[in-house]
Amino acid sequence: MTIQTVTHLNFDGQAGAALHFYHAVFGGGVTAATYRDAGQADTDADAARIIWGQVRADNGFHIMAHDVPTGTTWHPGDKPFYVSVRGDSPAQLQDFWHNLAAGGEILHPLAPAPWTPLYGMLKDRFGVTWVLDVARTA
Protein backbone atom coordinates (compact mmCIF):
# COMPACT_ATOMS: atom_id res chain seq x y z
CA MET A 1 0.00 0.00 0.00
CA THR A 2 1.18 3.51 -0.82
CA ILE A 3 -0.05 6.58 1.04
CA GLN A 4 0.35 10.31 0.56
CA THR A 5 -0.13 13.09 3.08
CA VAL A 6 -1.52 16.45 2.01
CA THR A 7 -1.70 19.61 4.07
CA HIS A 8 -5.33 20.71 4.48
CA LEU A 9 -5.72 24.33 5.60
CA ASN A 10 -8.84 25.77 7.22
CA PHE A 11 -9.83 29.41 6.73
CA ASP A 12 -12.61 31.76 7.76
CA GLY A 13 -13.74 33.02 4.35
CA GLN A 14 -10.32 33.25 2.67
CA ALA A 15 -9.88 29.73 1.27
CA GLY A 16 -10.65 30.73 -2.33
CA ALA A 17 -8.23 33.65 -2.28
CA ALA A 18 -5.56 31.48 -0.62
CA LEU A 19 -5.95 28.70 -3.19
CA HIS A 20 -5.56 31.15 -6.07
CA PHE A 21 -2.53 32.72 -4.38
CA TYR A 22 -0.84 29.32 -3.92
CA HIS A 23 -1.68 28.48 -7.53
CA ALA A 24 0.08 31.68 -8.63
CA VAL A 25 3.13 30.71 -6.56
CA PHE A 26 3.43 26.98 -7.35
CA GLY A 27 1.49 26.54 -10.61
CA GLY A 28 -0.73 23.56 -11.33
CA GLY A 29 -4.49 23.64 -11.26
CA VAL A 30 -7.12 24.85 -8.82
CA THR A 31 -10.25 22.88 -8.04
CA ALA A 32 -12.80 24.37 -5.67
CA ALA A 33 -16.41 23.80 -4.68
CA THR A 34 -18.53 26.18 -2.65
CA TYR A 35 -21.10 25.25 -0.04
CA ARG A 36 -23.70 26.29 -2.65
CA ASP A 37 -22.17 23.90 -5.21
CA ALA A 38 -22.41 21.06 -2.68
CA GLY A 39 -25.99 21.92 -1.70
CA GLN A 40 -24.85 22.61 1.88
CA ALA A 41 -25.24 26.38 2.17
CA ASP A 42 -27.22 26.70 5.41
CA THR A 43 -26.97 30.49 5.22
CA ASP A 44 -26.49 33.05 2.46
CA ALA A 45 -23.16 33.92 4.09
CA ASP A 46 -21.92 30.33 3.55
CA ALA A 47 -23.00 30.02 -0.10
CA ALA A 48 -19.78 31.39 -1.63
CA ARG A 49 -17.41 29.90 0.95
CA ILE A 50 -15.22 26.99 -0.12
CA ILE A 51 -16.36 23.63 1.23
CA TRP A 52 -13.43 21.86 -0.46
CA GLY A 53 -10.61 23.00 -2.69
CA GLN A 54 -7.11 22.11 -3.75
CA VAL A 55 -4.10 23.15 -5.76
CA ARG A 56 -2.19 20.30 -7.37
CA ALA A 57 0.88 20.84 -9.55
CA ASP A 58 3.05 18.54 -11.66
CA ASN A 59 6.07 19.59 -9.57
CA GLY A 60 4.60 17.67 -6.59
CA PHE A 61 2.97 20.58 -4.79
CA HIS A 62 -0.45 19.65 -3.38
CA ILE A 63 -2.48 21.53 -0.78
CA MET A 64 -6.15 21.52 0.15
CA ALA A 65 -8.26 24.24 1.76
CA HIS A 66 -11.67 24.75 3.32
CA ASP A 67 -13.68 27.61 4.84
CA VAL A 68 -15.31 26.80 8.14
CA PRO A 69 -19.06 27.53 8.08
CA THR A 70 -20.10 30.92 9.45
CA GLY A 71 -20.81 30.73 13.15
CA THR A 72 -18.22 27.98 13.61
CA THR A 73 -15.44 28.76 16.04
CA TRP A 74 -12.16 29.15 14.19
CA HIS A 75 -8.88 30.17 15.78
CA PRO A 76 -5.71 29.84 13.73
CA GLY A 77 -3.63 29.81 16.92
CA ASP A 78 0.00 30.76 17.29
CA LYS A 79 2.22 28.54 15.14
CA PRO A 80 -0.15 25.53 15.16
CA PHE A 81 1.69 24.07 12.14
CA TYR A 82 4.18 24.87 9.40
CA VAL A 83 3.88 23.96 5.74
CA SER A 84 7.26 22.69 4.62
CA VAL A 85 8.41 22.88 0.99
CA ARG A 86 11.68 21.08 0.28
CA GLY A 87 13.17 21.01 -3.17
CA ASP A 88 16.41 20.36 -5.00
CA SER A 89 16.55 23.57 -7.03
CA PRO A 90 17.71 26.69 -5.16
CA ALA A 91 16.50 28.91 -8.03
CA GLN A 92 12.98 27.46 -7.98
CA LEU A 93 12.86 27.63 -4.17
CA GLN A 94 13.88 31.30 -4.33
CA ASP A 95 11.02 31.97 -6.78
CA PHE A 96 8.53 30.27 -4.44
CA TRP A 97 9.96 32.27 -1.53
CA HIS A 98 9.72 35.60 -3.32
CA ASN A 99 6.11 34.99 -4.35
CA LEU A 100 4.94 33.62 -0.98
CA ALA A 101 6.55 36.57 0.82
CA ALA A 102 4.45 39.16 -1.08
CA GLY A 103 2.32 40.83 1.56
CA GLY A 104 3.68 38.51 4.23
CA GLU A 105 6.23 38.62 7.03
CA ILE A 106 9.75 37.17 6.91
CA LEU A 107 10.39 35.17 10.09
CA HIS A 108 13.83 33.86 9.10
CA PRO A 109 15.51 35.16 5.92
CA LEU A 110 16.18 32.69 3.12
CA ALA A 111 19.88 31.90 3.56
CA PRO A 112 22.33 29.04 4.08
CA ALA A 113 21.95 27.13 7.35
CA PRO A 114 24.16 24.51 9.02
CA TRP A 115 21.89 21.67 7.84
CA THR A 116 21.00 22.89 4.36
CA PRO A 117 22.32 25.10 1.56
CA LEU A 118 19.18 27.29 1.76
CA TYR A 119 16.53 27.70 4.48
CA GLY A 120 13.91 30.30 5.33
CA MET A 121 10.65 30.78 7.19
CA LEU A 122 7.86 33.24 6.47
CA LYS A 123 4.23 33.90 7.30
CA ASP A 124 2.19 34.57 4.17
CA ARG A 125 -0.55 37.17 3.89
CA PHE A 126 -3.11 34.57 5.00
CA GLY A 127 -1.26 33.86 8.26
CA VAL A 128 0.14 30.48 7.13
CA THR A 129 3.74 29.81 8.20
CA TRP A 130 5.93 28.28 5.48
CA VAL A 131 9.36 26.66 5.85
CA LEU A 132 11.30 26.40 2.59
CA ASP A 133 14.61 24.61 2.23
CA VAL A 134 16.86 22.86 -0.25
CA ALA A 135 17.41 19.16 0.40
CA ARG A 136 21.06 18.52 1.24
CA THR A 137 22.71 16.05 -1.08
CA ALA A 138 24.95 13.59 0.75
C-alpha atoms as a PDB file:
ATOM      1  CA  MET A   1       0.000   0.000   0.000  1.00  0.00           C
ATOM      2  CA  THR A   2       1.178   3.515  -0.818  1.00  0.00           C
ATOM      3  CA  ILE A   3      -0.052   6.582   1.042  1.00  0.00           C
ATOM      4  CA  GLN A   4       0.348  10.311   0.565  1.00  0.00           C
ATOM      5  CA  THR A   5      -0.135  13.092   3.081  1.00  0.00           C
ATOM      6  CA  VAL A   6      -1.522  16.448   2.006  1.00  0.00           C
ATOM      7  CA  THR A   7      -1.704  19.613   4.071  1.00  0.00           C
ATOM      8  CA  HIS A   8      -5.330  20.713   4.477  1.00  0.00           C
ATOM      9  CA  LEU A   9      -5.717  24.332   5.600  1.00  0.00           C
ATOM     10  CA  ASN A  10      -8.841  25.775   7.217  1.00  0.00           C
ATOM     11  CA  PHE A  11      -9.830  29.412   6.735  1.00  0.00           C
ATOM     12  CA  ASP A  12     -12.612  31.755   7.755  1.00  0.00           C
ATOM     13  CA  GLY A  13     -13.745  33.019   4.351  1.00  0.00           C
ATOM     14  CA  GLN A  14     -10.316  33.247   2.672  1.00  0.00           C
ATOM     15  CA  ALA A  15      -9.876  29.731   1.270  1.00  0.00           C
ATOM     16  CA  GLY A  16     -10.652  30.728  -2.335  1.00  0.00           C
ATOM     17  CA  ALA A  17      -8.232  33.650  -2.278  1.00  0.00           C
ATOM     18  CA  ALA A  18      -5.563  31.483  -0.618  1.00  0.00           C
ATOM     19  CA  LEU A  19      -5.949  28.701  -3.195  1.00  0.00           C
ATOM     20  CA  HIS A  20      -5.557  31.151  -6.071  1.00  0.00           C
ATOM     21  CA  PHE A  21      -2.534  32.720  -4.380  1.00  0.00           C
ATOM     22  CA  TYR A  22      -0.837  29.320  -3.916  1.00  0.00           C
ATOM     23  CA  HIS A  23      -1.680  28.480  -7.534  1.00  0.00           C
ATOM     24  CA  ALA A  24       0.079  31.678  -8.634  1.00  0.00           C
ATOM     25  CA  VAL A  25       3.131  30.706  -6.563  1.00  0.00           C
ATOM     26  CA  PHE A  26       3.426  26.979  -7.354  1.00  0.00           C
ATOM     27  CA  GLY A  27       1.493  26.537 -10.608  1.00  0.00           C
ATOM     28  CA  GLY A  28      -0.732  23.563 -11.332  1.00  0.00           C
ATOM     29  CA  GLY A  29      -4.488  23.641 -11.263  1.00  0.00           C
ATOM     30  CA  VAL A  30      -7.121  24.854  -8.817  1.00  0.00           C
ATOM     31  CA  THR A  31     -10.245  22.877  -8.039  1.00  0.00           C
ATOM     32  CA  ALA A  32     -12.801  24.366  -5.668  1.00  0.00           C
ATOM     33  CA  ALA A  33     -16.415  23.795  -4.680  1.00  0.00           C
ATOM     34  CA  THR A  34     -18.533  26.181  -2.646  1.00  0.00           C
ATOM     35  CA  TYR A  35     -21.105  25.253  -0.043  1.00  0.00           C
ATOM     36  CA  ARG A  36     -23.704  26.291  -2.646  1.00  0.00           C
ATOM     37  CA  ASP A  37     -22.170  23.896  -5.209  1.00  0.00           C
ATOM     38  CA  ALA A  38     -22.414  21.060  -2.682  1.00  0.00           C
ATOM     39  CA  GLY A  39     -25.991  21.924  -1.700  1.00  0.00           C
ATOM     40  CA  GLN A  40     -24.847  22.611   1.877  1.00  0.00           C
ATOM     41  CA  ALA A  41     -25.240  26.380   2.166  1.00  0.00           C
ATOM     42  CA  ASP A  42     -27.215  26.696   5.405  1.00  0.00           C
ATOM     43  CA  THR A  43     -26.975  30.487   5.219  1.00  0.00           C
ATOM     44  CA  ASP A  44     -26.489  33.048   2.460  1.00  0.00           C
ATOM     45  CA  ALA A  45     -23.160  33.923   4.091  1.00  0.00           C
ATOM     46  CA  ASP A  46     -21.924  30.333   3.546  1.00  0.00           C
ATOM     47  CA  ALA A  47     -22.999  30.024  -0.095  1.00  0.00           C
ATOM     48  CA  ALA A  48     -19.781  31.394  -1.630  1.00  0.00           C
ATOM     49  CA  ARG A  49     -17.414  29.900   0.952  1.00  0.00           C
ATOM     50  CA  ILE A  50     -15.216  26.990  -0.122  1.00  0.00           C
ATOM     51  CA  ILE A  51     -16.357  23.629   1.231  1.00  0.00           C
ATOM     52  CA  TRP A  52     -13.434  21.858  -0.463  1.00  0.00           C
ATOM     53  CA  GLY A  53     -10.613  22.996  -2.691  1.00  0.00           C
ATOM     54  CA  GLN A  54      -7.110  22.107  -3.751  1.00  0.00           C
ATOM     55  CA  VAL A  55      -4.098  23.149  -5.759  1.00  0.00           C
ATOM     56  CA  ARG A  56      -2.191  20.297  -7.371  1.00  0.00           C
ATOM     57  CA  ALA A  57       0.879  20.839  -9.554  1.00  0.00           C
ATOM     58  CA  ASP A  58       3.051  18.543 -11.659  1.00  0.00           C
ATOM     59  CA  ASN A  59       6.068  19.594  -9.567  1.00  0.00           C
ATOM     60  CA  GLY A  60       4.605  17.668  -6.592  1.00  0.00           C
ATOM     61  CA  PHE A  61       2.966  20.578  -4.788  1.00  0.00           C
ATOM     62  CA  HIS A  62      -0.448  19.653  -3.379  1.00  0.00           C
ATOM     63  CA  ILE A  63      -2.476  21.534  -0.784  1.00  0.00           C
ATOM     64  CA  MET A  64      -6.152  21.515   0.148  1.00  0.00           C
ATOM     65  CA  ALA A  65      -8.256  24.235   1.755  1.00  0.00           C
ATOM     66  CA  HIS A  66     -11.670  24.749   3.317  1.00  0.00           C
ATOM     67  CA  ASP A  67     -13.682  27.610   4.836  1.00  0.00           C
ATOM     68  CA  VAL A  68     -15.313  26.796   8.139  1.00  0.00           C
ATOM     69  CA  PRO A  69     -19.060  27.532   8.077  1.00  0.00           C
ATOM     70  CA  THR A  70     -20.103  30.916   9.451  1.00  0.00           C
ATOM     71  CA  GLY A  71     -20.810  30.735  13.147  1.00  0.00           C
ATOM     72  CA  THR A  72     -18.224  27.981  13.611  1.00  0.00           C
ATOM     73  CA  THR A  73     -15.441  28.758  16.042  1.00  0.00           C
ATOM     74  CA  TRP A  74     -12.164  29.155  14.187  1.00  0.00           C
ATOM     75  CA  HIS A  75      -8.881  30.174  15.782  1.00  0.00           C
ATOM     76  CA  PRO A  76      -5.710  29.835  13.729  1.00  0.00           C
ATOM     77  CA  GLY A  77      -3.625  29.811  16.916  1.00  0.00           C
ATOM     78  CA  ASP A  78      -0.004  30.764  17.289  1.00  0.00           C
ATOM     79  CA  LYS A  79       2.218  28.541  15.139  1.00  0.00           C
ATOM     80  CA  PRO A  80      -0.154  25.531  15.159  1.00  0.00           C
ATOM     81  CA  PHE A  81       1.695  24.075  12.143  1.00  0.00           C
ATOM     82  CA  TYR A  82       4.185  24.870   9.401  1.00  0.00           C
ATOM     83  CA  VAL A  83       3.876  23.956   5.741  1.00  0.00           C
ATOM     84  CA  SER A  84       7.261  22.695   4.617  1.00  0.00           C
ATOM     85  CA  VAL A  85       8.411  22.882   0.989  1.00  0.00           C
ATOM     86  CA  ARG A  86      11.679  21.075   0.285  1.00  0.00           C
ATOM     87  CA  GLY A  87      13.166  21.008  -3.173  1.00  0.00           C
ATOM     88  CA  ASP A  88      16.407  20.359  -4.996  1.00  0.00           C
ATOM     89  CA  SER A  89      16.551  23.573  -7.035  1.00  0.00           C
ATOM     90  CA  PRO A  90      17.710  26.695  -5.161  1.00  0.00           C
ATOM     91  CA  ALA A  91      16.498  28.909  -8.027  1.00  0.00           C
ATOM     92  CA  GLN A  92      12.980  27.462  -7.977  1.00  0.00           C
ATOM     93  CA  LEU A  93      12.863  27.630  -4.170  1.00  0.00           C
ATOM     94  CA  GLN A  94      13.881  31.303  -4.333  1.00  0.00           C
ATOM     95  CA  ASP A  95      11.024  31.965  -6.775  1.00  0.00           C
ATOM     96  CA  PHE A  96       8.528  30.274  -4.439  1.00  0.00           C
ATOM     97  CA  TRP A  97       9.965  32.273  -1.532  1.00  0.00           C
ATOM     98  CA  HIS A  98       9.718  35.602  -3.325  1.00  0.00           C
ATOM     99  CA  ASN A  99       6.107  34.989  -4.348  1.00  0.00           C
ATOM    100  CA  LEU A 100       4.945  33.621  -0.985  1.00  0.00           C
ATOM    101  CA  ALA A 101       6.549  36.572   0.821  1.00  0.00           C
ATOM    102  CA  ALA A 102       4.453  39.160  -1.084  1.00  0.00           C
ATOM    103  CA  GLY A 103       2.317  40.831   1.563  1.00  0.00           C
ATOM    104  CA  GLY A 104       3.680  38.511   4.231  1.00  0.00           C
ATOM    105  CA  GLU A 105       6.232  38.617   7.025  1.00  0.00           C
ATOM    106  CA  ILE A 106       9.751  37.174   6.911  1.00  0.00           C
ATOM    107  CA  LEU A 107      10.386  35.168  10.091  1.00  0.00           C
ATOM    108  CA  HIS A 108      13.834  33.859   9.097  1.00  0.00           C
ATOM    109  CA  PRO A 109      15.514  35.165   5.924  1.00  0.00           C
ATOM    110  CA  LEU A 110      16.181  32.688   3.124  1.00  0.00           C
ATOM    111  CA  ALA A 111      19.876  31.900   3.564  1.00  0.00           C
ATOM    112  CA  PRO A 112      22.330  29.037   4.078  1.00  0.00           C
ATOM    113  CA  ALA A 113      21.945  27.127   7.348  1.00  0.00           C
ATOM    114  CA  PRO A 114      24.161  24.506   9.016  1.00  0.00           C
ATOM    115  CA  TRP A 115      21.889  21.667   7.843  1.00  0.00           C
ATOM    116  CA  THR A 116      20.996  22.894   4.363  1.00  0.00           C
ATOM    117  CA  PRO A 117      22.323  25.105   1.559  1.00  0.00           C
ATOM    118  CA  LEU A 118      19.182  27.286   1.763  1.00  0.00           C
ATOM    119  CA  TYR A 119      16.529  27.703   4.482  1.00  0.00           C
ATOM    120  CA  GLY A 120      13.906  30.297   5.326  1.00  0.00           C
ATOM    121  CA  MET A 121      10.646  30.776   7.194  1.00  0.00           C
ATOM    122  CA  LEU A 122       7.857  33.243   6.471  1.00  0.00           C
ATOM    123  CA  LYS A 123       4.233  33.904   7.305  1.00  0.00           C
ATOM    124  CA  ASP A 124       2.192  34.569   4.173  1.00  0.00           C
ATOM    125  CA  ARG A 125      -0.550  37.172   3.888  1.00  0.00           C
ATOM    126  CA  PHE A 126      -3.111  34.575   4.999  1.00  0.00           C
ATOM    127  CA  GLY A 127      -1.261  33.862   8.259  1.00  0.00           C
ATOM    128  CA  VAL A 128       0.142  30.479   7.126  1.00  0.00           C
ATOM    129  CA  THR A 129       3.738  29.809   8.199  1.00  0.00           C
ATOM    130  CA  TRP A 130       5.934  28.278   5.479  1.00  0.00           C
ATOM    131  CA  VAL A 131       9.360  26.656   5.853  1.00  0.00           C
ATOM    132  CA  LEU A 132      11.300  26.398   2.593  1.00  0.00           C
ATOM    133  CA  ASP A 133      14.607  24.613   2.225  1.00  0.00           C
ATOM    134  CA  VAL A 134      16.856  22.863  -0.249  1.00  0.00           C
ATOM    135  CA  ALA A 135      17.413  19.163   0.398  1.00  0.00           C
ATOM    136  CA  ARG A 136      21.059  18.517   1.235  1.00  0.00           C
ATOM    137  CA  THR A 137      22.712  16.054  -1.077  1.00  0.00           C
ATOM    138  CA  ALA A 138      24.948  13.592   0.752  1.00  0.00           C
END
